[in-house]
Amino acid sequence: MIALREFADAHSNYKVVPIIEPVKSTFNSMSLAVNAMKTKNLKFVLILNPQVGDIKDNTILIEQSLTNELSDNSAWCPAFIVTNSNQNRITTHIIEKEYNNVFLICKDNLDSSAQSLIQLFKMQNITNIVISANNSRLKRLANKNNKSIIRLDDSFISQSKNSSYVSIPEEMFSEEYKYFEDDGFAGISDYTTLPSNFIDGGMRPWAVAIHWTYEKGNEAIWVKHFVSDSNDGLENVQGKFLEAGRKAVDFFNSTQITSNRAIEELRTFIQNSQYPGLGVIKKLSIKNHIELLNQILCREK
């Protein structure tokens, strides 16, 4: 939420539309981010039936907690994660709330022959379907009903331990921003530099890893993993961060990549030998990815 708020505050030209799945029963951070995005005319998509976290399937709580923030229907689009058991409930709720410009997030295990799904896809209120690229049956069903189809990729390959990234200094992340239209998609989406599996909380790390996406040769997005060196104990997390961060800054200095606010923020922390906390490190990684995609899509169009 902080990454989105800072991204909204810093820009006026957006090609990125955030899709947000709430996971906490407190909405202070969400409210701040939503208001920042509305103020800067950054349109966003809000999932109203999250499938993980504290408020799984609690649509009413989300709508009631953000009543004022969501009152301007032109500023945001409602979204629902579709499962094999909730399709009729989604249809009913869309009709009752008179929602328009609805997004559906569809996972791979859906039965595309189910009448409840077929009727859901037929609804005029639904304009966009987010599906995995290899789900050809759902893609055909969405095309048949003249929906805009957005490709969803789980591009970040997660390791069980941060120290495991030492042997994987960089890897291919995605090249779909160049080809999604050729493949019949209206847009692309991913989980930023996070895996799709939801993990609540964390623990004191043996190693600090900074995951940073960048465009390599105007051909594809790659992700670099900058990992600390002193990984034999739990002490001195600040020192571990500085080790990893110095590697990142050295990479920025030696590579012709376009700078952005996340890069400059990380550079300042390292120059000042300042440790901002693990949450801020993750925020920077996420914000860099959003900044990068926005730069690329603004250029491509």
Protein backbone atom coordinates (compact mmCIF):
# COMPACT_ATOMS: atom_id res chain seq x y z
CA MET A 1 0.00 0.00 0.00
CA ILE A 2 2.85 2.39 0.75
CA ALA A 3 4.49 1.60 -2.60
CA LEU A 4 1.24 2.40 -4.42
CA ARG A 5 0.74 5.60 -2.44
CA GLU A 6 4.23 6.83 -3.25
CA PHE A 7 3.91 5.80 -6.89
CA ALA A 8 0.63 7.74 -7.19
CA ASP A 9 2.12 10.82 -5.50
CA ALA A 10 5.05 10.93 -7.92
CA HIS A 11 3.34 10.55 -11.30
CA SER A 12 0.72 12.06 -13.56
CA ASN A 13 0.92 9.66 -16.52
CA TYR A 14 -0.12 6.09 -15.71
CA LYS A 15 -0.14 2.95 -17.82
CA VAL A 16 -0.22 0.69 -14.75
CA VAL A 17 -3.56 -0.18 -13.13
CA PRO A 18 -2.98 -1.79 -9.70
CA ILE A 19 -5.06 -4.85 -8.78
CA ILE A 20 -5.32 -4.99 -4.99
CA GLU A 21 -6.38 -7.95 -2.85
CA PRO A 22 -7.01 -6.81 0.77
CA VAL A 23 -5.72 -9.22 3.41
CA LYS A 24 -5.96 -7.28 6.70
CA SER A 25 -9.03 -6.51 8.83
CA THR A 26 -7.68 -3.02 9.49
CA PHE A 27 -8.07 -0.57 6.63
CA ASN A 28 -5.98 2.49 7.60
CA SER A 29 -3.19 1.80 5.12
CA MET A 30 -5.68 0.82 2.44
CA SER A 31 -7.66 4.01 2.99
CA LEU A 32 -4.56 6.18 2.67
CA ALA A 33 -3.50 4.43 -0.54
CA VAL A 34 -6.96 4.59 -2.09
CA ASN A 35 -7.28 8.31 -1.34
CA ALA A 36 -3.82 8.97 -2.79
CA MET A 37 -4.67 7.09 -5.98
CA LYS A 38 -8.01 8.90 -6.31
CA THR A 39 -6.38 12.30 -5.78
CA LYS A 40 -3.84 11.61 -8.55
CA ASN A 41 -6.36 9.92 -10.89
CA LEU A 42 -4.58 6.58 -10.75
CA LYS A 43 -7.35 4.10 -11.49
CA PHE A 44 -7.20 0.89 -9.49
CA VAL A 45 -8.96 -2.46 -9.25
CA LEU A 46 -10.07 -3.74 -5.85
CA ILE A 47 -10.78 -7.41 -5.22
CA LEU A 48 -13.92 -7.59 -3.06
CA ASN A 49 -13.74 -11.29 -2.18
CA PRO A 50 -10.12 -11.94 -1.15
CA GLN A 51 -9.16 -15.59 -0.89
CA VAL A 52 -6.34 -15.25 1.65
CA GLY A 53 -5.66 -13.34 4.85
CA ASP A 54 -7.83 -12.12 7.72
CA ILE A 55 -10.88 -11.17 5.65
CA LYS A 56 -11.24 -14.07 3.24
CA ASP A 57 -14.57 -13.77 1.37
CA ASN A 58 -15.67 -10.89 3.62
CA THR A 59 -17.02 -8.65 0.86
CA ILE A 60 -19.40 -6.77 3.13
CA LEU A 61 -16.64 -5.76 5.56
CA ILE A 62 -14.54 -4.34 2.73
CA GLU A 63 -17.43 -2.37 1.26
CA GLN A 64 -18.51 -1.03 4.65
CA SER A 65 -14.99 -0.16 5.81
CA LEU A 66 -14.21 1.76 2.62
CA THR A 67 -17.64 3.27 1.94
CA ASN A 68 -16.39 6.84 1.52
CA GLU A 69 -13.26 5.87 -0.39
CA LEU A 70 -15.22 3.78 -2.92
CA SER A 71 -18.12 6.18 -3.39
CA ASP A 72 -16.71 7.54 -6.68
CA ASN A 73 -17.37 4.68 -9.09
CA SER A 74 -15.30 6.33 -11.82
CA ALA A 75 -12.12 6.08 -9.75
CA TRP A 76 -11.94 2.31 -9.37
CA CYS A 77 -13.19 -1.03 -10.69
CA PRO A 78 -14.57 -3.89 -8.57
CA ALA A 79 -13.06 -7.35 -9.00
CA PHE A 80 -13.86 -10.86 -7.85
CA ILE A 81 -11.70 -13.97 -7.67
CA VAL A 82 -13.68 -16.77 -9.29
CA THR A 83 -13.72 -20.28 -7.84
CA ASN A 84 -15.83 -23.30 -8.76
CA SER A 85 -18.10 -22.68 -5.75
CA ASN A 86 -18.70 -18.92 -5.71
CA GLN A 87 -19.89 -18.05 -9.21
CA ASN A 88 -23.58 -17.67 -8.37
CA ARG A 89 -22.74 -15.50 -5.34
CA ILE A 90 -20.60 -13.22 -7.49
CA THR A 91 -23.39 -12.87 -10.06
CA THR A 92 -25.94 -12.03 -7.37
CA HIS A 93 -23.67 -9.48 -5.68
CA ILE A 94 -22.85 -7.69 -8.94
CA ILE A 95 -26.56 -7.37 -9.68
CA GLU A 96 -27.48 -6.24 -6.15
CA LYS A 97 -24.74 -3.59 -6.00
CA GLU A 98 -25.21 -2.58 -9.67
CA TYR A 99 -21.47 -2.79 -10.23
CA ASN A 100 -20.11 -2.01 -13.70
CA ASN A 101 -16.69 -2.40 -15.34
CA VAL A 102 -16.12 -5.51 -13.24
CA PHE A 103 -12.91 -7.56 -13.40
CA LEU A 104 -12.90 -11.33 -12.89
CA ILE A 105 -9.71 -13.02 -11.67
CA CYS A 106 -9.80 -16.63 -12.89
CA LYS A 107 -7.46 -19.37 -11.71
CA ASP A 108 -6.48 -22.48 -13.66
CA ASN A 109 -8.75 -25.05 -12.02
CA LEU A 110 -12.10 -23.59 -13.14
CA ASP A 111 -14.61 -25.79 -14.95
CA SER A 112 -15.20 -23.80 -18.13
CA SER A 113 -18.24 -25.94 -19.00
CA ALA A 114 -20.15 -25.02 -15.82
CA GLN A 115 -23.36 -23.12 -16.59
CA SER A 116 -22.78 -20.79 -13.64
CA LEU A 117 -19.44 -19.72 -15.12
CA ILE A 118 -20.87 -19.38 -18.62
CA GLN A 119 -23.67 -17.15 -17.31
CA LEU A 120 -21.18 -15.10 -15.29
CA PHE A 121 -19.03 -14.48 -18.38
CA LYS A 122 -22.13 -13.35 -20.29
CA MET A 123 -22.87 -10.48 -17.89
CA GLN A 124 -22.59 -7.07 -19.53
CA ASN A 125 -21.37 -5.60 -16.22
CA ILE A 126 -18.13 -7.60 -16.62
CA THR A 127 -15.59 -6.05 -18.95
CA ASN A 128 -12.23 -7.66 -18.11
CA ILE A 129 -11.15 -11.24 -17.46
CA VAL A 130 -7.73 -11.89 -15.88
CA ILE A 131 -6.52 -15.41 -16.67
CA SER A 132 -3.33 -17.43 -16.88
CA ALA A 133 -1.80 -17.39 -20.34
CA ASN A 134 -2.05 -21.17 -20.80
CA ASN A 135 -5.76 -21.39 -19.98
CA SER A 136 -6.99 -21.59 -23.57
CA ARG A 137 -10.51 -22.78 -22.67
CA LEU A 138 -11.23 -19.78 -20.47
CA LYS A 139 -9.67 -17.50 -23.06
CA ARG A 140 -12.02 -18.85 -25.73
CA LEU A 141 -15.00 -18.38 -23.41
CA ALA A 142 -13.97 -14.80 -22.68
CA ASN A 143 -13.43 -14.06 -26.38
CA LYS A 144 -16.83 -15.49 -27.20
CA ASN A 145 -18.37 -12.94 -24.83
CA ASN A 146 -16.30 -10.01 -26.12
CA LYS A 147 -14.36 -9.45 -22.91
CA SER A 148 -10.96 -7.81 -22.64
CA ILE A 149 -8.53 -10.51 -21.57
CA ILE A 150 -5.57 -9.73 -19.33
CA ARG A 151 -2.72 -12.19 -19.10
CA LEU A 152 -1.65 -13.19 -15.58
CA ASP A 153 1.87 -14.53 -15.01
CA ASP A 154 3.42 -15.76 -11.77
CA SER A 155 6.91 -14.70 -12.83
CA PHE A 156 8.89 -14.57 -9.59
CA ILE A 157 10.60 -17.86 -8.76
CA SER A 158 10.70 -18.02 -4.97
CA GLN A 159 13.41 -19.82 -2.99
CA SER A 160 12.89 -21.25 0.50
CA LYS A 161 15.90 -19.34 1.89
CA ASN A 162 17.31 -15.94 0.95
CA SER A 163 20.80 -17.42 0.88
CA SER A 164 19.71 -19.67 -2.00
CA TYR A 165 19.68 -16.63 -4.28
CA VAL A 166 23.48 -16.38 -3.97
CA SER A 167 23.78 -19.04 -6.67
CA ILE A 168 21.09 -17.32 -8.81
CA PRO A 169 22.42 -13.80 -9.36
CA GLU A 170 19.81 -13.01 -12.01
CA GLU A 171 17.12 -14.72 -14.03
CA MET A 172 14.56 -14.01 -16.72
CA PHE A 173 11.37 -12.45 -15.37
CA SER A 174 9.14 -11.64 -18.36
CA GLU A 175 9.12 -10.53 -21.97
CA GLU A 176 5.33 -10.46 -22.33
CA TYR A 177 5.13 -6.66 -22.39
CA LYS A 178 6.45 -6.90 -25.96
CA TYR A 179 4.15 -9.66 -27.21
CA PHE A 180 0.88 -9.74 -25.24
CA GLU A 181 -1.11 -7.96 -27.96
CA ASP A 182 0.21 -10.36 -30.62
CA ASP A 183 -1.13 -13.20 -28.46
CA GLY A 184 -4.62 -11.67 -28.27
CA PHE A 185 -4.42 -10.11 -24.80
CA ALA A 186 -5.54 -6.60 -23.88
CA GLY A 187 -3.03 -6.35 -21.03
CA ILE A 188 -0.50 -8.13 -18.83
CA SER A 189 -0.31 -8.60 -15.08
CA ASP A 190 1.95 -10.20 -12.49
CA TYR A 191 2.55 -10.37 -8.73
CA THR A 192 5.52 -7.92 -8.85
CA THR A 193 8.68 -9.29 -7.19
CA LEU A 194 6.62 -11.58 -4.99
CA PRO A 195 5.35 -15.13 -5.51
CA SER A 196 1.61 -15.69 -5.90
CA ASN A 197 1.43 -17.72 -2.67
CA PHE A 198 0.43 -15.52 0.26
CA ILE A 199 2.70 -15.55 3.32
CA ASP A 200 1.64 -13.56 6.38
CA GLY A 201 4.45 -12.12 8.47
CA GLY A 202 8.10 -13.07 8.48
CA MET A 203 11.08 -13.77 10.69
CA ARG A 204 14.52 -12.42 11.38
CA PRO A 205 16.59 -13.35 8.30
CA TRP A 206 19.88 -15.18 8.13
CA ALA A 207 20.47 -13.44 4.81
CA VAL A 208 19.05 -10.24 3.32
CA ALA A 209 18.07 -10.44 -0.34
CA ILE A 210 17.01 -7.48 -2.48
CA HIS A 211 15.06 -8.47 -5.60
CA TRP A 212 15.26 -5.89 -8.38
CA THR A 213 13.69 -6.05 -11.84
CA TYR A 214 15.22 -4.21 -14.78
CA GLU A 215 14.94 -4.18 -18.55
CA LYS A 216 17.81 -5.97 -20.23
CA GLY A 217 18.66 -4.76 -23.70
CA ASN A 218 15.12 -3.54 -24.43
CA GLU A 219 14.21 -7.18 -24.97
CA ALA A 220 12.97 -8.55 -21.65
CA ILE A 221 12.61 -7.87 -17.94
CA TRP A 222 15.11 -9.69 -15.74
CA VAL A 223 15.33 -9.85 -11.96
CA LYS A 224 18.60 -9.43 -10.07
CA HIS A 225 19.04 -10.90 -6.60
CA PHE A 226 21.45 -8.93 -4.40
CA VAL A 227 22.30 -11.00 -1.33
CA SER A 228 24.28 -10.23 1.81
CA ASP A 229 27.62 -11.97 2.49
CA SER A 230 27.58 -12.48 6.28
CA ASN A 231 24.88 -15.14 6.38
CA ASP A 232 26.08 -17.44 9.16
CA GLY A 233 23.96 -15.95 11.95
CA LEU A 234 20.94 -13.84 12.81
CA GLU A 235 22.84 -10.86 14.17
CA ASN A 236 23.42 -7.47 12.48
CA VAL A 237 20.57 -7.29 9.98
CA GLN A 238 21.59 -3.70 9.29
CA GLY A 239 25.02 -4.88 8.16
CA LYS A 240 23.45 -7.56 5.97
CA PHE A 241 21.25 -4.94 4.30
CA LEU A 242 24.22 -2.68 3.60
CA GLU A 243 26.14 -5.59 2.04
CA ALA A 244 23.25 -6.41 -0.29
CA GLY A 245 22.44 -2.76 -0.95
CA ARG A 246 26.01 -1.89 -1.94
CA LYS A 247 25.88 -4.66 -4.55
CA ALA A 248 22.65 -3.16 -5.90
CA VAL A 249 24.13 0.35 -6.07
CA ASP A 250 27.25 -0.97 -7.79
CA PHE A 251 24.97 -2.59 -10.37
CA PHE A 252 23.04 0.67 -10.88
CA ASN A 253 26.31 2.55 -11.38
CA SER A 254 27.72 0.07 -13.89
CA THR A 255 24.60 -0.56 -15.96
CA GLN A 256 22.78 1.75 -18.32
CA ILE A 257 19.34 1.40 -16.77
CA THR A 258 16.85 4.23 -16.40
CA SER A 259 16.79 5.52 -12.86
CA ASN A 260 13.57 5.89 -10.91
CA ARG A 261 12.48 6.96 -7.44
CA ALA A 262 12.94 3.51 -5.92
CA ILE A 263 16.52 3.33 -7.21
CA GLU A 264 17.33 6.78 -5.85
CA GLU A 265 15.74 5.97 -2.49
CA LEU A 266 17.82 2.79 -2.13
CA ARG A 267 20.92 4.68 -3.23
CA THR A 268 20.33 7.27 -0.48
CA PHE A 269 19.98 4.60 2.22
CA ILE A 270 23.28 3.06 1.18
CA GLN A 271 25.11 6.39 0.92
CA ASN A 272 23.95 7.24 4.45
CA SER A 273 24.61 3.72 5.81
CA GLN A 274 20.99 3.75 6.95
CA TYR A 275 18.92 0.62 7.56
CA PRO A 276 15.20 1.36 6.89
CA GLY A 277 13.80 -2.02 7.97
CA LEU A 278 12.80 -5.14 6.05
CA GLY A 279 9.35 -3.76 5.19
CA VAL A 280 10.86 -0.76 3.44
CA ILE A 281 13.23 -3.00 1.48
CA LYS A 282 10.26 -4.97 0.16
CA LYS A 283 8.41 -1.71 -0.58
CA LEU A 284 11.35 -0.47 -2.65
CA SER A 285 11.46 -3.69 -4.66
CA ILE A 286 7.73 -3.50 -5.38
CA LYS A 287 7.84 0.21 -6.20
CA ASN A 288 10.76 -0.31 -8.57
CA HIS A 289 8.80 -2.95 -10.46
CA ILE A 290 5.74 -0.71 -10.79
CA GLU A 291 7.94 2.21 -11.88
CA LEU A 292 9.74 0.01 -14.40
CA LEU A 293 6.55 -1.29 -16.00
CA ASN A 294 5.06 2.18 -16.16
CA GLN A 295 8.20 3.51 -17.88
CA ILE A 296 8.17 0.65 -20.41
CA LEU A 297 4.45 0.85 -21.19
CA CYS A 298 4.55 4.64 -21.57
CA ARG A 299 7.42 4.21 -24.02
CA GLU A 300 5.84 1.31 -25.92
CA LYS A 301 2.61 3.24 -26.50
